[in-house]
Amino acid sequence: MGFDGMKTLLMSVVVLLVALGYVLEPAIVYAHDHEHPELNEWYHGLHSESGAWCCDGDEATHLADIDWESKDGHYRVRVDGEWYDVPEGAVINAPNRDGRAMVWMSDGAMGKGPRCFMPGSMT
């Protein structure tokens, strides 16, 4: 295969990948739990006590029961092996239709920390 043939093949692969990205993009960005797409609208409506919208298209991190705790009315979460205190205003006080604890992390000028947190049922 000559240079022109390789160039044509490479362009075809690029076009295919871009097209595939457009097809898969809604599933990747907007589906929080691929097994429960009926909850997508609920996820998008979640906001913390302080009024911050939790869902901006990024998926929440689902936490195992051992990765979050409540002590003296305050929450802590463990993400990537590191514990973070959940700010008072970051808690979501709404029924948890997912059932699992979830945290939405932010990484801003003040460092990494929970933007929103929804306790789970600890079953």
N, C-alpha and C. Protein backbone atom coordinates (compact mmCIF):
# COMPACT_ATOMS: atom_id res chain seq x y z
N MET A 1 0.86 -1.16 0.00
CA MET A 1 0.00 0.00 0.00
C MET A 1 0.90 1.23 0.00
N GLY A 2 0.63 2.14 -0.89
CA GLY A 2 1.44 3.34 -1.01
C GLY A 2 1.03 4.42 0.00
N PHE A 3 1.71 5.54 -0.10
CA PHE A 3 1.46 6.65 0.81
C PHE A 3 0.02 7.13 0.73
N ASP A 4 -0.49 7.25 -0.50
CA ASP A 4 -1.87 7.72 -0.67
C ASP A 4 -2.88 6.74 -0.08
N GLY A 5 -2.60 5.44 -0.21
CA GLY A 5 -3.48 4.43 0.36
C GLY A 5 -3.49 4.49 1.88
N MET A 6 -2.32 4.68 2.49
CA MET A 6 -2.22 4.79 3.95
C MET A 6 -2.93 6.05 4.44
N LYS A 7 -2.76 7.13 3.68
CA LYS A 7 -3.40 8.39 4.04
C LYS A 7 -4.92 8.24 4.00
N THR A 8 -5.43 7.58 2.97
CA THR A 8 -6.87 7.35 2.85
C THR A 8 -7.37 6.46 3.99
N LEU A 9 -6.64 5.42 4.33
CA LEU A 9 -7.01 4.53 5.41
C LEU A 9 -7.03 5.27 6.74
N LEU A 10 -6.01 6.07 7.00
CA LEU A 10 -5.93 6.84 8.23
C LEU A 10 -7.10 7.82 8.34
N MET A 11 -7.42 8.50 7.27
CA MET A 11 -8.54 9.44 7.27
C MET A 11 -9.86 8.71 7.52
N SER A 12 -10.01 7.53 6.96
CA SER A 12 -11.23 6.74 7.18
C SER A 12 -11.37 6.36 8.65
N VAL A 13 -10.25 5.97 9.26
CA VAL A 13 -10.28 5.60 10.68
C VAL A 13 -10.64 6.81 11.53
N VAL A 14 -10.07 7.97 11.23
CA VAL A 14 -10.37 9.19 11.99
C VAL A 14 -11.85 9.54 11.86
N VAL A 15 -12.37 9.50 10.66
CA VAL A 15 -13.79 9.81 10.44
C VAL A 15 -14.67 8.82 11.20
N LEU A 16 -14.32 7.55 11.19
CA LEU A 16 -15.08 6.54 11.91
C LEU A 16 -15.06 6.81 13.42
N LEU A 17 -13.90 7.14 13.96
CA LEU A 17 -13.79 7.42 15.40
C LEU A 17 -14.59 8.65 15.80
N VAL A 18 -14.54 9.69 14.98
CA VAL A 18 -15.32 10.90 15.27
C VAL A 18 -16.81 10.59 15.23
N ALA A 19 -17.24 9.86 14.22
CA ALA A 19 -18.66 9.49 14.11
C ALA A 19 -19.09 8.63 15.29
N LEU A 20 -18.25 7.70 15.68
CA LEU A 20 -18.55 6.84 16.83
C LEU A 20 -18.65 7.67 18.10
N GLY A 21 -17.81 8.68 18.24
CA GLY A 21 -17.86 9.57 19.40
C GLY A 21 -19.18 10.30 19.49
N TYR A 22 -19.72 10.75 18.36
CA TYR A 22 -21.02 11.43 18.36
C TYR A 22 -22.15 10.48 18.73
N VAL A 23 -22.04 9.25 18.33
CA VAL A 23 -23.08 8.28 18.64
C VAL A 23 -23.03 7.89 20.11
N LEU A 24 -21.83 7.67 20.64
CA LEU A 24 -21.68 7.22 22.03
C LEU A 24 -21.70 8.35 23.04
N GLU A 25 -21.46 9.57 22.64
CA GLU A 25 -21.34 10.70 23.56
C GLU A 25 -22.52 10.84 24.51
N PRO A 26 -23.76 10.77 24.07
CA PRO A 26 -24.85 10.89 25.04
C PRO A 26 -24.84 9.80 26.10
N ALA A 27 -24.48 8.60 25.74
CA ALA A 27 -24.44 7.52 26.72
C ALA A 27 -23.32 7.72 27.72
N ILE A 28 -22.21 8.24 27.27
CA ILE A 28 -21.06 8.43 28.15
C ILE A 28 -21.28 9.62 29.06
N VAL A 29 -21.75 10.73 28.54
CA VAL A 29 -21.84 11.96 29.32
C VAL A 29 -23.10 12.02 30.16
N TYR A 30 -24.22 11.59 29.63
CA TYR A 30 -25.47 11.83 30.31
C TYR A 30 -26.02 10.66 31.11
N ALA A 31 -25.53 9.47 30.91
CA ALA A 31 -26.03 8.31 31.64
C ALA A 31 -25.19 8.11 32.90
N HIS A 32 -25.80 8.27 34.05
CA HIS A 32 -25.08 8.14 35.30
C HIS A 32 -24.96 6.68 35.72
N ASP A 33 -25.97 5.93 35.47
CA ASP A 33 -25.94 4.51 35.78
C ASP A 33 -26.51 3.80 34.57
N HIS A 34 -25.64 3.16 33.83
CA HIS A 34 -26.06 2.55 32.58
C HIS A 34 -27.11 1.46 32.78
N GLU A 35 -27.19 0.94 33.99
CA GLU A 35 -28.19 -0.09 34.28
C GLU A 35 -29.54 0.52 34.66
N HIS A 36 -29.55 1.82 34.96
CA HIS A 36 -30.80 2.50 35.36
C HIS A 36 -30.95 3.84 34.66
N PRO A 37 -31.13 3.84 33.35
CA PRO A 37 -31.26 5.11 32.63
C PRO A 37 -32.50 5.90 33.04
N GLU A 38 -33.47 5.25 33.67
CA GLU A 38 -34.67 5.95 34.11
C GLU A 38 -34.35 6.97 35.21
N LEU A 39 -33.17 6.87 35.81
CA LEU A 39 -32.77 7.82 36.86
C LEU A 39 -32.02 9.04 36.32
N ASN A 40 -31.73 9.09 35.03
CA ASN A 40 -30.94 10.19 34.47
C ASN A 40 -31.54 11.55 34.78
N GLU A 41 -32.83 11.72 34.60
CA GLU A 41 -33.47 13.01 34.86
C GLU A 41 -33.37 13.36 36.34
N TRP A 42 -33.53 12.37 37.21
CA TRP A 42 -33.40 12.59 38.65
C TRP A 42 -31.99 13.07 38.99
N TYR A 43 -30.96 12.41 38.42
CA TYR A 43 -29.58 12.84 38.66
C TYR A 43 -29.38 14.30 38.28
N HIS A 44 -29.89 14.69 37.13
CA HIS A 44 -29.69 16.05 36.64
C HIS A 44 -30.39 17.09 37.49
N GLY A 45 -31.36 16.71 38.31
CA GLY A 45 -32.06 17.65 39.17
C GLY A 45 -31.46 17.78 40.56
N LEU A 46 -30.43 17.02 40.87
CA LEU A 46 -29.87 17.04 42.22
C LEU A 46 -29.05 18.30 42.48
N HIS A 47 -29.25 18.85 43.68
CA HIS A 47 -28.44 19.99 44.12
C HIS A 47 -28.23 19.88 45.62
N SER A 48 -27.15 20.48 46.07
CA SER A 48 -26.78 20.41 47.49
C SER A 48 -27.61 21.38 48.31
N GLU A 49 -27.45 21.32 49.64
CA GLU A 49 -28.14 22.25 50.54
C GLU A 49 -27.83 23.69 50.19
N SER A 50 -26.60 23.95 49.75
CA SER A 50 -26.20 25.32 49.41
C SER A 50 -26.75 25.76 48.07
N GLY A 51 -27.39 24.86 47.34
CA GLY A 51 -27.99 25.19 46.05
C GLY A 51 -27.12 24.87 44.86
N ALA A 52 -25.92 24.35 45.09
CA ALA A 52 -25.03 24.00 43.97
C ALA A 52 -25.61 22.81 43.21
N TRP A 53 -25.63 22.91 41.89
CA TRP A 53 -26.07 21.78 41.07
C TRP A 53 -24.97 20.75 41.09
N CYS A 54 -25.33 19.53 41.38
CA CYS A 54 -24.34 18.46 41.51
C CYS A 54 -23.95 17.87 40.18
N CYS A 55 -24.90 17.80 39.30
CA CYS A 55 -24.67 17.09 38.05
C CYS A 55 -24.48 18.08 36.92
N ASP A 56 -23.27 18.09 36.37
CA ASP A 56 -23.01 18.94 35.22
C ASP A 56 -22.62 18.09 34.02
N GLY A 57 -23.07 16.84 34.03
CA GLY A 57 -22.72 15.91 32.96
C GLY A 57 -21.70 14.89 33.40
N ASP A 58 -20.98 15.17 34.48
CA ASP A 58 -20.02 14.20 34.99
C ASP A 58 -20.75 13.20 35.87
N GLU A 59 -20.29 11.99 35.85
CA GLU A 59 -20.91 10.97 36.67
C GLU A 59 -20.45 11.11 38.11
N ALA A 60 -21.33 10.76 39.01
CA ALA A 60 -20.99 10.72 40.42
C ALA A 60 -20.09 9.52 40.68
N THR A 61 -19.32 9.62 41.74
CA THR A 61 -18.55 8.47 42.19
C THR A 61 -19.42 7.73 43.19
N HIS A 62 -19.75 6.48 42.90
CA HIS A 62 -20.52 5.66 43.83
C HIS A 62 -19.56 5.10 44.87
N LEU A 63 -19.95 5.22 46.12
CA LEU A 63 -19.09 4.81 47.22
C LEU A 63 -19.60 3.54 47.88
N ALA A 64 -18.67 2.65 48.22
CA ALA A 64 -19.02 1.49 49.03
C ALA A 64 -19.26 1.97 50.46
N ASP A 65 -19.98 1.17 51.24
CA ASP A 65 -20.27 1.57 52.61
C ASP A 65 -19.01 1.87 53.42
N ILE A 66 -17.91 1.20 53.12
CA ILE A 66 -16.68 1.43 53.88
C ILE A 66 -15.97 2.71 53.46
N ASP A 67 -16.46 3.37 52.39
CA ASP A 67 -15.81 4.57 51.88
C ASP A 67 -16.53 5.86 52.26
N TRP A 68 -17.44 5.78 53.21
CA TRP A 68 -18.05 6.99 53.73
C TRP A 68 -18.50 6.72 55.15
N GLU A 69 -18.57 7.80 55.93
CA GLU A 69 -18.98 7.65 57.33
C GLU A 69 -19.60 8.95 57.82
N SER A 70 -20.37 8.79 58.88
CA SER A 70 -20.98 9.92 59.55
C SER A 70 -20.54 9.89 61.01
N LYS A 71 -20.03 11.02 61.48
CA LYS A 71 -19.59 11.11 62.87
C LYS A 71 -19.96 12.48 63.40
N ASP A 72 -20.71 12.49 64.50
CA ASP A 72 -21.15 13.74 65.13
C ASP A 72 -21.88 14.65 64.14
N GLY A 73 -22.66 14.06 63.26
CA GLY A 73 -23.45 14.84 62.31
C GLY A 73 -22.69 15.34 61.10
N HIS A 74 -21.45 14.93 60.93
CA HIS A 74 -20.64 15.34 59.78
C HIS A 74 -20.25 14.11 58.98
N TYR A 75 -20.13 14.30 57.67
CA TYR A 75 -19.77 13.20 56.78
C TYR A 75 -18.32 13.32 56.34
N ARG A 76 -17.73 12.15 56.08
CA ARG A 76 -16.42 12.04 55.43
C ARG A 76 -16.55 10.99 54.34
N VAL A 77 -15.81 11.20 53.26
CA VAL A 77 -15.81 10.24 52.15
C VAL A 77 -14.37 9.90 51.79
N ARG A 78 -14.19 8.67 51.28
CA ARG A 78 -12.87 8.25 50.81
C ARG A 78 -12.94 8.06 49.31
N VAL A 79 -12.12 8.83 48.61
CA VAL A 79 -12.05 8.77 47.15
C VAL A 79 -10.59 8.57 46.78
N ASP A 80 -10.33 7.58 45.98
CA ASP A 80 -8.97 7.25 45.55
C ASP A 80 -8.03 7.09 46.74
N GLY A 81 -8.54 6.48 47.81
CA GLY A 81 -7.72 6.18 48.98
C GLY A 81 -7.50 7.34 49.93
N GLU A 82 -8.08 8.50 49.65
CA GLU A 82 -7.89 9.67 50.51
C GLU A 82 -9.23 10.11 51.10
N TRP A 83 -9.23 10.44 52.39
CA TRP A 83 -10.44 10.88 53.09
C TRP A 83 -10.62 12.39 52.95
N TYR A 84 -11.88 12.80 52.71
CA TYR A 84 -12.24 14.21 52.58
C TYR A 84 -13.43 14.49 53.50
N ASP A 85 -13.39 15.62 54.22
CA ASP A 85 -14.54 16.07 54.97
C ASP A 85 -15.54 16.67 53.99
N VAL A 86 -16.81 16.35 54.18
CA VAL A 86 -17.86 16.89 53.32
C VAL A 86 -18.34 18.19 53.94
N PRO A 87 -18.24 19.30 53.23
CA PRO A 87 -18.75 20.57 53.78
C PRO A 87 -20.25 20.48 54.05
N GLU A 88 -20.69 21.19 55.08
CA GLU A 88 -22.11 21.16 55.46
C GLU A 88 -23.03 21.41 54.27
N GLY A 89 -22.76 22.43 53.50
CA GLY A 89 -23.64 22.78 52.39
C GLY A 89 -23.59 21.85 51.20
N ALA A 90 -22.67 20.87 51.20
CA ALA A 90 -22.53 19.96 50.06
C ALA A 90 -23.45 18.74 50.14
N VAL A 91 -24.11 18.56 51.28
CA VAL A 91 -24.96 17.39 51.48
C VAL A 91 -26.27 17.57 50.72
N ILE A 92 -26.73 16.50 50.11
CA ILE A 92 -28.03 16.48 49.42
C ILE A 92 -29.02 15.83 50.37
N ASN A 93 -30.01 16.59 50.79
CA ASN A 93 -31.04 16.07 51.70
C ASN A 93 -32.30 15.77 50.92
N ALA A 94 -32.23 14.78 50.08
CA ALA A 94 -33.38 14.33 49.29
C ALA A 94 -33.36 12.81 49.32
N PRO A 95 -34.49 12.19 49.08
CA PRO A 95 -34.49 10.72 49.02
C PRO A 95 -33.52 10.22 47.97
N ASN A 96 -32.75 9.22 48.34
CA ASN A 96 -31.74 8.66 47.44
C ASN A 96 -32.37 7.54 46.63
N ARG A 97 -32.78 7.85 45.41
CA ARG A 97 -33.41 6.86 44.54
C ARG A 97 -32.42 5.83 44.02
N ASP A 98 -31.14 6.17 44.05
CA ASP A 98 -30.10 5.24 43.61
C ASP A 98 -29.81 4.21 44.70
N GLY A 99 -29.83 4.65 45.97
CA GLY A 99 -29.59 3.76 47.10
C GLY A 99 -28.15 3.74 47.56
N ARG A 100 -27.21 3.98 46.64
CA ARG A 100 -25.79 3.97 47.00
C ARG A 100 -25.34 5.38 47.34
N ALA A 101 -24.37 5.48 48.25
CA ALA A 101 -23.79 6.79 48.55
C ALA A 101 -23.06 7.28 47.29
N MET A 102 -23.16 8.59 47.06
CA MET A 102 -22.53 9.18 45.88
C MET A 102 -21.86 10.49 46.27
N VAL A 103 -20.76 10.76 45.62
CA VAL A 103 -20.07 12.04 45.81
C VAL A 103 -19.68 12.59 44.45
N TRP A 104 -19.83 13.89 44.31
CA TRP A 104 -19.38 14.60 43.13
C TRP A 104 -18.19 15.44 43.59
N MET A 105 -17.04 15.17 43.07
CA MET A 105 -15.83 15.86 43.49
C MET A 105 -15.56 17.05 42.57
N SER A 106 -14.91 18.06 43.14
CA SER A 106 -14.44 19.19 42.34
C SER A 106 -12.95 19.36 42.62
N ASP A 107 -12.27 19.93 41.69
CA ASP A 107 -10.84 20.16 41.82
C ASP A 107 -10.59 21.59 41.39
N GLY A 108 -10.65 22.49 42.37
CA GLY A 108 -10.54 23.91 42.06
C GLY A 108 -9.35 24.56 42.73
N ALA A 109 -9.41 25.87 42.82
CA ALA A 109 -8.32 26.66 43.40
C ALA A 109 -8.06 26.31 44.86
N MET A 110 -9.08 25.86 45.56
CA MET A 110 -8.94 25.50 46.97
C MET A 110 -8.54 24.04 47.15
N GLY A 111 -8.32 23.33 46.06
CA GLY A 111 -7.94 21.93 46.12
C GLY A 111 -9.10 21.01 45.79
N LYS A 112 -8.86 19.74 45.94
CA LYS A 112 -9.86 18.72 45.61
C LYS A 112 -10.77 18.50 46.82
N GLY A 113 -12.05 18.35 46.55
CA GLY A 113 -12.99 18.09 47.63
C GLY A 113 -14.38 17.81 47.12
N PRO A 114 -15.27 17.37 48.02
CA PRO A 114 -16.66 17.06 47.63
C PRO A 114 -17.45 18.33 47.32
N ARG A 115 -18.05 18.36 46.13
CA ARG A 115 -18.96 19.44 45.74
C ARG A 115 -20.36 19.11 46.21
N CYS A 116 -20.72 17.83 46.10
CA CYS A 116 -22.01 17.34 46.54
C CYS A 116 -21.83 15.94 47.10
N PHE A 117 -22.66 15.60 48.09
CA PHE A 117 -22.62 14.26 48.67
C PHE A 117 -24.03 13.82 49.01
N MET A 118 -24.36 12.60 48.63
CA MET A 118 -25.65 12.02 48.97
C MET A 118 -25.39 10.72 49.72
N PRO A 119 -25.80 10.66 51.01
CA PRO A 119 -25.60 9.43 51.76
C PRO A 119 -26.36 8.27 51.15
N GLY A 120 -25.85 7.08 51.37
CA GLY A 120 -26.50 5.87 50.91
C GLY A 120 -27.30 5.25 52.04
N SER A 121 -27.82 4.08 51.78
CA SER A 121 -28.67 3.39 52.76
C SER A 121 -27.87 2.54 53.73
N MET A 122 -26.58 2.34 53.47
CA MET A 122 -25.70 1.51 54.32
C MET A 122 -26.30 0.14 54.57
N THR A 123 -26.69 -0.52 53.49
CA THR A 123 -27.27 -1.86 53.63
C THR A 123 -26.20 -2.91 53.66
